[in-house]
Amino acid sequence: MTPMDYDILRRLQNPGNEELVLTPRTIAENTNWSRSGIDDHLRLLRDHGLIEYNDEEKSLYQLTDRGRAWLEGDLPTEDLEDED
């Protein structure tokens, strides 16, 4: 997990408010990361089951229960790295 991964997950979580459903472009516009970097990391986060498509055709992403668990500290990062 990288700082970019954390930033992506936190944007989707939207602490203090309702969770968001976002496109890669919207995530990039609201972080200091490039769109291409966001695209790469979204694929990895999806492969690890931390995010999923809300609408694949529109490229809308949302958190999964597994992503929420990681953000809450209930899913150790080591468990994700063991999957590779």
PDB file of N, CA and C in Angstrom:
ATOM      1  N   MET A   1       0.841  -1.170   0.000  1.00  0.00           N
ATOM      2  CA  MET A   1       0.000   0.000   0.000  1.00  0.00           C
ATOM      3  C   MET A   1       0.890   1.239   0.000  1.00  0.00           C
ATOM      4  N   THR A   2       0.502   2.188  -0.790  1.00  0.00           N
ATOM      5  CA  THR A   2       1.285   3.411  -0.961  1.00  0.00           C
ATOM      6  C   THR A   2       0.475   4.625  -0.486  1.00  0.00           C
ATOM      7  N   PRO A   3       1.132   5.773  -0.353  1.00  0.00           N
ATOM      8  CA  PRO A   3       0.366   6.988  -0.027  1.00  0.00           C
ATOM      9  C   PRO A   3      -0.749   7.260  -1.043  1.00  0.00           C
ATOM     10  N   MET A   4      -0.515   6.973  -2.318  1.00  0.00           N
ATOM     11  CA  MET A   4      -1.553   7.186  -3.320  1.00  0.00           C
ATOM     12  C   MET A   4      -2.750   6.262  -3.058  1.00  0.00           C
ATOM     13  N   ASP A   5      -2.478   4.996  -2.726  1.00  0.00           N
ATOM     14  CA  ASP A   5      -3.565   4.064  -2.425  1.00  0.00           C
ATOM     15  C   ASP A   5      -4.402   4.589  -1.263  1.00  0.00           C
ATOM     16  N   TYR A   6      -3.720   5.035  -0.221  1.00  0.00           N
ATOM     17  CA  TYR A   6      -4.410   5.570   0.953  1.00  0.00           C
ATOM     18  C   TYR A   6      -5.262   6.785   0.569  1.00  0.00           C
ATOM     19  N   ASP A   7      -4.697   7.688  -0.205  1.00  0.00           N
ATOM     20  CA  ASP A   7      -5.442   8.881  -0.625  1.00  0.00           C
ATOM     21  C   ASP A   7      -6.695   8.519  -1.424  1.00  0.00           C
ATOM     22  N   ILE A   8      -6.573   7.548  -2.311  1.00  0.00           N
ATOM     23  CA  ILE A   8      -7.721   7.118  -3.116  1.00  0.00           C
ATOM     24  C   ILE A   8      -8.817   6.562  -2.207  1.00  0.00           C
ATOM     25  N   LEU A   9      -8.431   5.672  -1.312  1.00  0.00           N
ATOM     26  CA  LEU A   9      -9.418   5.062  -0.424  1.00  0.00           C
ATOM     27  C   LEU A   9     -10.076   6.095   0.478  1.00  0.00           C
ATOM     28  N   ARG A  10      -9.294   7.043   0.976  1.00  0.00           N
ATOM     29  CA  ARG A  10      -9.853   8.092   1.844  1.00  0.00           C
ATOM     30  C   ARG A  10     -10.803   9.008   1.067  1.00  0.00           C
ATOM     31  N   ARG A  11     -10.500   9.316  -0.187  1.00  0.00           N
ATOM     32  CA  ARG A  11     -11.413  10.133  -0.995  1.00  0.00           C
ATOM     33  C   ARG A  11     -12.757   9.430  -1.144  1.00  0.00           C
ATOM     34  N   LEU A  12     -12.711   8.136  -1.412  1.00  0.00           N
ATOM     35  CA  LEU A  12     -13.948   7.378  -1.556  1.00  0.00           C
ATOM     36  C   LEU A  12     -14.699   7.279  -0.230  1.00  0.00           C
ATOM     37  N   GLN A  13     -13.949   7.151   0.854  1.00  0.00           N
ATOM     38  CA  GLN A  13     -14.566   7.057   2.173  1.00  0.00           C
ATOM     39  C   GLN A  13     -15.234   8.376   2.574  1.00  0.00           C
ATOM     40  N   ASN A  14     -14.590   9.498   2.242  1.00  0.00           N
ATOM     41  CA  ASN A  14     -15.132  10.822   2.531  1.00  0.00           C
ATOM     42  C   ASN A  14     -15.450  10.970   4.023  1.00  0.00           C
ATOM     43  N   PRO A  15     -14.427  10.859   4.890  1.00  0.00           N
ATOM     44  CA  PRO A  15     -14.642  10.863   6.337  1.00  0.00           C
ATOM     45  C   PRO A  15     -15.536  12.012   6.810  1.00  0.00           C
ATOM     46  N   GLY A  16     -16.435  11.661   7.707  1.00  0.00           N
ATOM     47  CA  GLY A  16     -17.343  12.644   8.274  1.00  0.00           C
ATOM     48  C   GLY A  16     -18.596  12.869   7.456  1.00  0.00           C
ATOM     49  N   ASN A  17     -18.663  12.278   6.296  1.00  0.00           N
ATOM     50  CA  ASN A  17     -19.808  12.426   5.396  1.00  0.00           C
ATOM     51  C   ASN A  17     -20.146  11.064   4.799  1.00  0.00           C
ATOM     52  N   GLU A  18     -21.134  11.038   3.919  1.00  0.00           N
ATOM     53  CA  GLU A  18     -21.460   9.795   3.225  1.00  0.00           C
ATOM     54  C   GLU A  18     -20.340   9.433   2.257  1.00  0.00           C
ATOM     55  N   GLU A  19     -20.145   8.129   2.060  1.00  0.00           N
ATOM     56  CA  GLU A  19     -19.138   7.675   1.096  1.00  0.00           C
ATOM     57  C   GLU A  19     -19.472   8.199  -0.289  1.00  0.00           C
ATOM     58  N   LEU A  20     -18.416   8.334  -1.100  1.00  0.00           N
ATOM     59  CA  LEU A  20     -18.571   8.851  -2.447  1.00  0.00           C
ATOM     60  C   LEU A  20     -18.380   7.755  -3.487  1.00  0.00           C
ATOM     61  N   VAL A  21     -18.933   7.969  -4.646  1.00  0.00           N
ATOM     62  CA  VAL A  21     -18.713   7.157  -5.838  1.00  0.00           C
ATOM     63  C   VAL A  21     -18.048   8.114  -6.817  1.00  0.00           C
ATOM     64  N   LEU A  22     -16.799   7.787  -7.229  1.00  0.00           N
ATOM     65  CA  LEU A  22     -16.002   8.739  -8.000  1.00  0.00           C
ATOM     66  C   LEU A  22     -15.371   8.108  -9.235  1.00  0.00           C
ATOM     67  N   THR A  23     -15.076   8.958 -10.210  1.00  0.00           N
ATOM     68  CA  THR A  23     -14.325   8.551 -11.394  1.00  0.00           C
ATOM     69  C   THR A  23     -12.836   8.789 -11.141  1.00  0.00           C
ATOM     70  N   PRO A  24     -11.969   8.161 -11.931  1.00  0.00           N
ATOM     71  CA  PRO A  24     -10.539   8.425 -11.790  1.00  0.00           C
ATOM     72  C   PRO A  24     -10.214   9.914 -11.951  1.00  0.00           C
ATOM     73  N   ARG A  25     -10.876  10.564 -12.880  1.00  0.00           N
ATOM     74  CA  ARG A  25     -10.609  11.987 -13.104  1.00  0.00           C
ATOM     75  C   ARG A  25     -10.960  12.824 -11.873  1.00  0.00           C
ATOM     76  N   THR A  26     -12.086  12.542 -11.259  1.00  0.00           N
ATOM     77  CA  THR A  26     -12.502  13.281 -10.074  1.00  0.00           C
ATOM     78  C   THR A  26     -11.525  13.047  -8.926  1.00  0.00           C
ATOM     79  N   ILE A  27     -11.074  11.828  -8.779  1.00  0.00           N
ATOM     80  CA  ILE A  27     -10.083  11.535  -7.731  1.00  0.00           C
ATOM     81  C   ILE A  27      -8.803  12.325  -8.003  1.00  0.00           C
ATOM     82  N   ALA A  28      -8.328  12.297  -9.239  1.00  0.00           N
ATOM     83  CA  ALA A  28      -7.103  13.020  -9.588  1.00  0.00           C
ATOM     84  C   ALA A  28      -7.257  14.524  -9.359  1.00  0.00           C
ATOM     85  N   GLU A  29      -8.409  15.068  -9.701  1.00  0.00           N
ATOM     86  CA  GLU A  29      -8.649  16.505  -9.538  1.00  0.00           C
ATOM     87  C   GLU A  29      -8.657  16.921  -8.072  1.00  0.00           C
ATOM     88  N   ASN A  30      -8.931  15.971  -7.184  1.00  0.00           N
ATOM     89  CA  ASN A  30      -9.036  16.280  -5.760  1.00  0.00           C
ATOM     90  C   ASN A  30      -7.875  15.731  -4.942  1.00  0.00           C
ATOM     91  N   THR A  31      -6.798  15.380  -5.628  1.00  0.00           N
ATOM     92  CA  THR A  31      -5.564  14.936  -4.972  1.00  0.00           C
ATOM     93  C   THR A  31      -4.396  15.565  -5.708  1.00  0.00           C
ATOM     94  N   ASN A  32      -3.217  15.276  -5.244  1.00  0.00           N
ATOM     95  CA  ASN A  32      -2.007  15.767  -5.912  1.00  0.00           C
ATOM     96  C   ASN A  32      -1.412  14.704  -6.831  1.00  0.00           C
ATOM     97  N   TRP A  33      -2.214  13.719  -7.215  1.00  0.00           N
ATOM     98  CA  TRP A  33      -1.731  12.617  -8.039  1.00  0.00           C
ATOM     99  C   TRP A  33      -2.206  12.778  -9.477  1.00  0.00           C
ATOM    100  N   SER A  34      -1.437  12.207 -10.398  1.00  0.00           N
ATOM    101  CA  SER A  34      -1.792  12.286 -11.820  1.00  0.00           C
ATOM    102  C   SER A  34      -2.911  11.314 -12.149  1.00  0.00           C
ATOM    103  N   ARG A  35      -3.621  11.615 -13.196  1.00  0.00           N
ATOM    104  CA  ARG A  35      -4.710  10.743 -13.651  1.00  0.00           C
ATOM    105  C   ARG A  35      -4.183   9.363 -14.021  1.00  0.00           C
ATOM    106  N   SER A  36      -3.040   9.302 -14.704  1.00  0.00           N
ATOM    107  CA  SER A  36      -2.504   7.996 -15.105  1.00  0.00           C
ATOM    108  C   SER A  36      -2.093   7.178 -13.883  1.00  0.00           C
ATOM    109  N   GLY A  37      -1.531   7.836 -12.890  1.00  0.00           N
ATOM    110  CA  GLY A  37      -1.176   7.141 -11.649  1.00  0.00           C
ATOM    111  C   GLY A  37      -2.411   6.624 -10.936  1.00  0.00           C
ATOM    112  N   ILE A  38      -3.437   7.444 -10.885  1.00  0.00           N
ATOM    113  CA  ILE A  38      -4.698   7.039 -10.265  1.00  0.00           C
ATOM    114  C   ILE A  38      -5.260   5.810 -10.980  1.00  0.00           C
ATOM    115  N   ASP A  39      -5.262   5.832 -12.311  1.00  0.00           N
ATOM    116  CA  ASP A  39      -5.770   4.689 -13.083  1.00  0.00           C
ATOM    117  C   ASP A  39      -5.040   3.399 -12.715  1.00  0.00           C
ATOM    118  N   ASP A  40      -3.704   3.469 -12.646  1.00  0.00           N
ATOM    119  CA  ASP A  40      -2.910   2.283 -12.310  1.00  0.00           C
ATOM    120  C   ASP A  40      -3.260   1.758 -10.922  1.00  0.00           C
ATOM    121  N   HIS A  41      -3.367   2.656  -9.975  1.00  0.00           N
ATOM    122  CA  HIS A  41      -3.624   2.233  -8.601  1.00  0.00           C
ATOM    123  C   HIS A  41      -5.062   1.756  -8.407  1.00  0.00           C
ATOM    124  N   LEU A  42      -6.000   2.313  -9.145  1.00  0.00           N
ATOM    125  CA  LEU A  42      -7.369   1.821  -9.060  1.00  0.00           C
ATOM    126  C   LEU A  42      -7.439   0.359  -9.484  1.00  0.00           C
ATOM    127  N   ARG A  43      -6.699  -0.001 -10.509  1.00  0.00           N
ATOM    128  CA  ARG A  43      -6.672  -1.399 -10.948  1.00  0.00           C
ATOM    129  C   ARG A  43      -6.147  -2.313  -9.843  1.00  0.00           C
ATOM    130  N   LEU A  44      -5.061  -1.880  -9.212  1.00  0.00           N
ATOM    131  CA  LEU A  44      -4.479  -2.685  -8.133  1.00  0.00           C
ATOM    132  C   LEU A  44      -5.421  -2.790  -6.942  1.00  0.00           C
ATOM    133  N   LEU A  45      -6.038  -1.681  -6.574  1.00  0.00           N
ATOM    134  CA  LEU A  45      -6.975  -1.698  -5.450  1.00  0.00           C
ATOM    135  C   LEU A  45      -8.178  -2.588  -5.752  1.00  0.00           C
ATOM    136  N   ARG A  46      -8.618  -2.572  -6.996  1.00  0.00           N
ATOM    137  CA  ARG A  46      -9.725  -3.434  -7.409  1.00  0.00           C
ATOM    138  C   ARG A  46      -9.295  -4.900  -7.376  1.00  0.00           C
ATOM    139  N   ASP A  47      -8.082  -5.186  -7.846  1.00  0.00           N
ATOM    140  CA  ASP A  47      -7.567  -6.554  -7.818  1.00  0.00           C
ATOM    141  C   ASP A  47      -7.491  -7.111  -6.398  1.00  0.00           C
ATOM    142  N   HIS A  48      -7.227  -6.238  -5.432  1.00  0.00           N
ATOM    143  CA  HIS A  48      -7.143  -6.656  -4.022  1.00  0.00           C
ATOM    144  C   HIS A  48      -8.497  -6.615  -3.323  1.00  0.00           C
ATOM    145  N   GLY A  49      -9.542  -6.233  -4.048  1.00  0.00           N
ATOM    146  CA  GLY A  49     -10.882  -6.243  -3.487  1.00  0.00           C
ATOM    147  C   GLY A  49     -11.195  -5.097  -2.548  1.00  0.00           C
ATOM    148  N   LEU A  50     -10.405  -4.020  -2.615  1.00  0.00           N
ATOM    149  CA  LEU A  50     -10.631  -2.876  -1.729  1.00  0.00           C
ATOM    150  C   LEU A  50     -11.630  -1.886  -2.311  1.00  0.00           C
ATOM    151  N   ILE A  51     -11.751  -1.886  -3.614  1.00  0.00           N
ATOM    152  CA  ILE A  51     -12.744  -1.058  -4.300  1.00  0.00           C
ATOM    153  C   ILE A  51     -13.407  -1.919  -5.369  1.00  0.00           C
ATOM    154  N   GLU A  52     -14.519  -1.418  -5.876  1.00  0.00           N
ATOM    155  CA  GLU A  52     -15.227  -2.112  -6.946  1.00  0.00           C
ATOM    156  C   GLU A  52     -15.910  -1.068  -7.812  1.00  0.00           C
ATOM    157  N   TYR A  53     -16.323  -1.519  -8.980  1.00  0.00           N
ATOM    158  CA  TYR A  53     -17.097  -0.628  -9.831  1.00  0.00           C
ATOM    159  C   TYR A  53     -18.485  -0.429  -9.236  1.00  0.00           C
ATOM    160  N   ASN A  54     -18.923   0.787  -9.220  1.00  0.00           N
ATOM    161  CA  ASN A  54     -20.320   1.104  -8.977  1.00  0.00           C
ATOM    162  C   ASN A  54     -21.036   1.054 -10.320  1.00  0.00           C
ATOM    163  N   ASP A  55     -20.321   1.523 -11.355  1.00  0.00           N
ATOM    164  CA  ASP A  55     -20.813   1.497 -12.733  1.00  0.00           C
ATOM    165  C   ASP A  55     -19.585   1.413 -13.637  1.00  0.00           C
ATOM    166  N   GLU A  56     -19.311   0.225 -14.146  1.00  0.00           N
ATOM    167  CA  GLU A  56     -18.107   0.008 -14.953  1.00  0.00           C
ATOM    168  C   GLU A  56     -18.111   0.844 -16.224  1.00  0.00           C
ATOM    169  N   GLU A  57     -19.264   0.958 -16.872  1.00  0.00           N
ATOM    170  CA  GLU A  57     -19.351   1.718 -18.119  1.00  0.00           C
ATOM    171  C   GLU A  57     -18.962   3.188 -17.912  1.00  0.00           C
ATOM    172  N   LYS A  58     -19.333   3.726 -16.777  1.00  0.00           N
ATOM    173  CA  LYS A  58     -19.025   5.132 -16.472  1.00  0.00           C
ATOM    174  C   LYS A  58     -17.734   5.288 -15.681  1.00  0.00           C
ATOM    175  N   SER A  59     -17.050   4.193 -15.401  1.00  0.00           N
ATOM    176  CA  SER A  59     -15.806   4.207 -14.623  1.00  0.00           C
ATOM    177  C   SER A  59     -16.007   4.830 -13.241  1.00  0.00           C
ATOM    178  N   LEU A  60     -17.084   4.445 -12.589  1.00  0.00           N
ATOM    179  CA  LEU A  60     -17.371   4.926 -11.243  1.00  0.00           C
ATOM    180  C   LEU A  60     -16.961   3.866 -10.229  1.00  0.00           C
ATOM    181  N   TYR A  61     -16.186   4.280  -9.236  1.00  0.00           N
ATOM    182  CA  TYR A  61     -15.670   3.363  -8.225  1.00  0.00           C
ATOM    183  C   TYR A  61     -16.245   3.673  -6.857  1.00  0.00           C
ATOM    184  N   GLN A  62     -16.316   2.621  -6.030  1.00  0.00           N
ATOM    185  CA  GLN A  62     -16.751   2.771  -4.656  1.00  0.00           C
ATOM    186  C   GLN A  62     -15.943   1.823  -3.774  1.00  0.00           C
ATOM    187  N   LEU A  63     -15.954   2.093  -2.476  1.00  0.00           N
ATOM    188  CA  LEU A  63     -15.294   1.218  -1.510  1.00  0.00           C
ATOM    189  C   LEU A  63     -16.048  -0.091  -1.373  1.00  0.00           C
ATOM    190  N   THR A  64     -15.335  -1.125  -1.001  1.00  0.00           N
ATOM    191  CA  THR A  64     -15.950  -2.397  -0.636  1.00  0.00           C
ATOM    192  C   THR A  64     -15.858  -2.536   0.883  1.00  0.00           C
ATOM    193  N   ASP A  65     -16.489  -3.558   1.416  1.00  0.00           N
ATOM    194  CA  ASP A  65     -16.367  -3.834   2.850  1.00  0.00           C
ATOM    195  C   ASP A  65     -14.904  -4.075   3.215  1.00  0.00           C
ATOM    196  N   ARG A  66     -14.196  -4.728   2.331  1.00  0.00           N
ATOM    197  CA  ARG A  66     -12.766  -4.998   2.555  1.00  0.00           C
ATOM    198  C   ARG A  66     -11.966  -3.700   2.593  1.00  0.00           C
ATOM    199  N   GLY A  67     -12.287  -2.749   1.729  1.00  0.00           N
ATOM    200  CA  GLY A  67     -11.620  -1.451   1.739  1.00  0.00           C
ATOM    201  C   GLY A  67     -11.912  -0.688   3.016  1.00  0.00           C
ATOM    202  N   ARG A  68     -13.153  -0.743   3.467  1.00  0.00           N
ATOM    203  CA  ARG A  68     -13.516  -0.099   4.727  1.00  0.00           C
ATOM    204  C   ARG A  68     -12.745  -0.728   5.884  1.00  0.00           C
ATOM    205  N   ALA A  69     -12.646  -2.056   5.867  1.00  0.00           N
ATOM    206  CA  ALA A  69     -11.919  -2.769   6.924  1.00  0.00           C
ATOM    207  C   ALA A  69     -10.460  -2.347   6.957  1.00  0.00           C
ATOM    208  N   TRP A  70      -9.835  -2.196   5.795  1.00  0.00           N
ATOM    209  CA  TRP A  70      -8.431  -1.774   5.772  1.00  0.00           C
ATOM    210  C   TRP A  70      -8.297  -0.362   6.347  1.00  0.00           C
ATOM    211  N   LEU A  71      -9.166   0.540   5.950  1.00  0.00           N
ATOM    212  CA  LEU A  71      -9.106   1.911   6.459  1.00  0.00           C
ATOM    213  C   LEU A  71      -9.323   1.968   7.969  1.00  0.00           C
ATOM    214  N   GLU A  72     -10.142   1.075   8.491  1.00  0.00           N
ATOM    215  CA  GLU A  72     -10.415   1.044   9.933  1.00  0.00           C
ATOM    216  C   GLU A  72      -9.327   0.302  10.714  1.00  0.00           C
ATOM    217  N   GLY A  73      -8.370  -0.309   9.994  1.00  0.00           N
ATOM    218  CA  GLY A  73      -7.304  -1.049  10.659  1.00  0.00           C
ATOM    219  C   GLY A  73      -7.668  -2.480  10.998  1.00  0.00           C
ATOM    220  N   ASP A  74      -8.799  -2.950  10.476  1.00  0.00           N
ATOM    221  CA  ASP A  74      -9.247  -4.312  10.746  1.00  0.00           C
ATOM    222  C   ASP A  74      -8.708  -5.331   9.755  1.00  0.00           C
ATOM    223  N   LEU A  75      -8.040  -4.868   8.713  1.00  0.00           N
ATOM    224  CA  LEU A  75      -7.436  -5.740   7.709  1.00  0.00           C
ATOM    225  C   LEU A  75      -5.974  -5.333   7.580  1.00  0.00           C
ATOM    226  N   PRO A  76      -5.061  -6.166   8.085  1.00  0.00           N
ATOM    227  CA  PRO A  76      -3.643  -5.813   8.010  1.00  0.00           C
ATOM    228  C   PRO A  76      -3.134  -5.730   6.571  1.00  0.00           C
ATOM    229  N   THR A  77      -2.268  -4.771   6.334  1.00  0.00           N
ATOM    230  CA  THR A  77      -1.667  -4.606   5.012  1.00  0.00           C
ATOM    231  C   THR A  77      -0.934  -5.875   4.589  1.00  0.00           C
ATOM    232  N   GLU A  78      -0.351  -6.572   5.545  1.00  0.00           N
ATOM    233  CA  GLU A  78       0.376  -7.807   5.231  1.00  0.00           C
ATOM    234  C   GLU A  78      -0.547  -8.824   4.558  1.00  0.00           C
ATOM    235  N   ASP A  79      -1.812  -8.823   4.936  1.00  0.00           N
ATOM    236  CA  ASP A  79      -2.764  -9.747   4.308  1.00  0.00           C
ATOM    237  C   ASP A  79      -2.949  -9.435   2.821  1.00  0.00           C
ATOM    238  N   LEU A  80      -2.838  -8.183   2.460  1.00  0.00           N
ATOM    239  CA  LEU A  80      -2.947  -7.786   1.048  1.00  0.00           C
ATOM    240  C   LEU A  80      -1.688  -8.175   0.288  1.00  0.00           C
ATOM    241  N   GLU A  81      -0.544  -7.985   0.916  1.00  0.00           N
ATOM    242  CA  GLU A  81       0.721  -8.257   0.239  1.00  0.00           C
ATOM    243  C   GLU A  81       0.916  -9.744   0.028  1.00  0.00           C
ATOM    244  N   ASP A  82       0.354 -10.583   0.896  1.00  0.00           N
ATOM    245  CA  ASP A  82       0.464 -12.023   0.749  1.00  0.00           C
ATOM    246  C   ASP A  82      -0.271 -12.554  -0.465  1.00  0.00           C
ATOM    247  N   GLU A  83      -1.209 -11.755  -0.995  1.00  0.00           N
ATOM    248  CA  GLU A  83      -2.002 -12.195  -2.144  1.00  0.00           C
ATOM    249  C   GLU A  83      -1.242 -12.139  -3.456  1.00  0.00           C
ATOM    250  N   ASP A  84      -0.160 -11.374  -3.510  1.00  0.00           N
ATOM    251  CA  ASP A  84       0.570 -11.200  -4.787  1.00  0.00           C
ATOM    252  C   ASP A  84       1.254 -12.435  -5.249  1.00  0.00           C
TER     253      ASP A  84
END
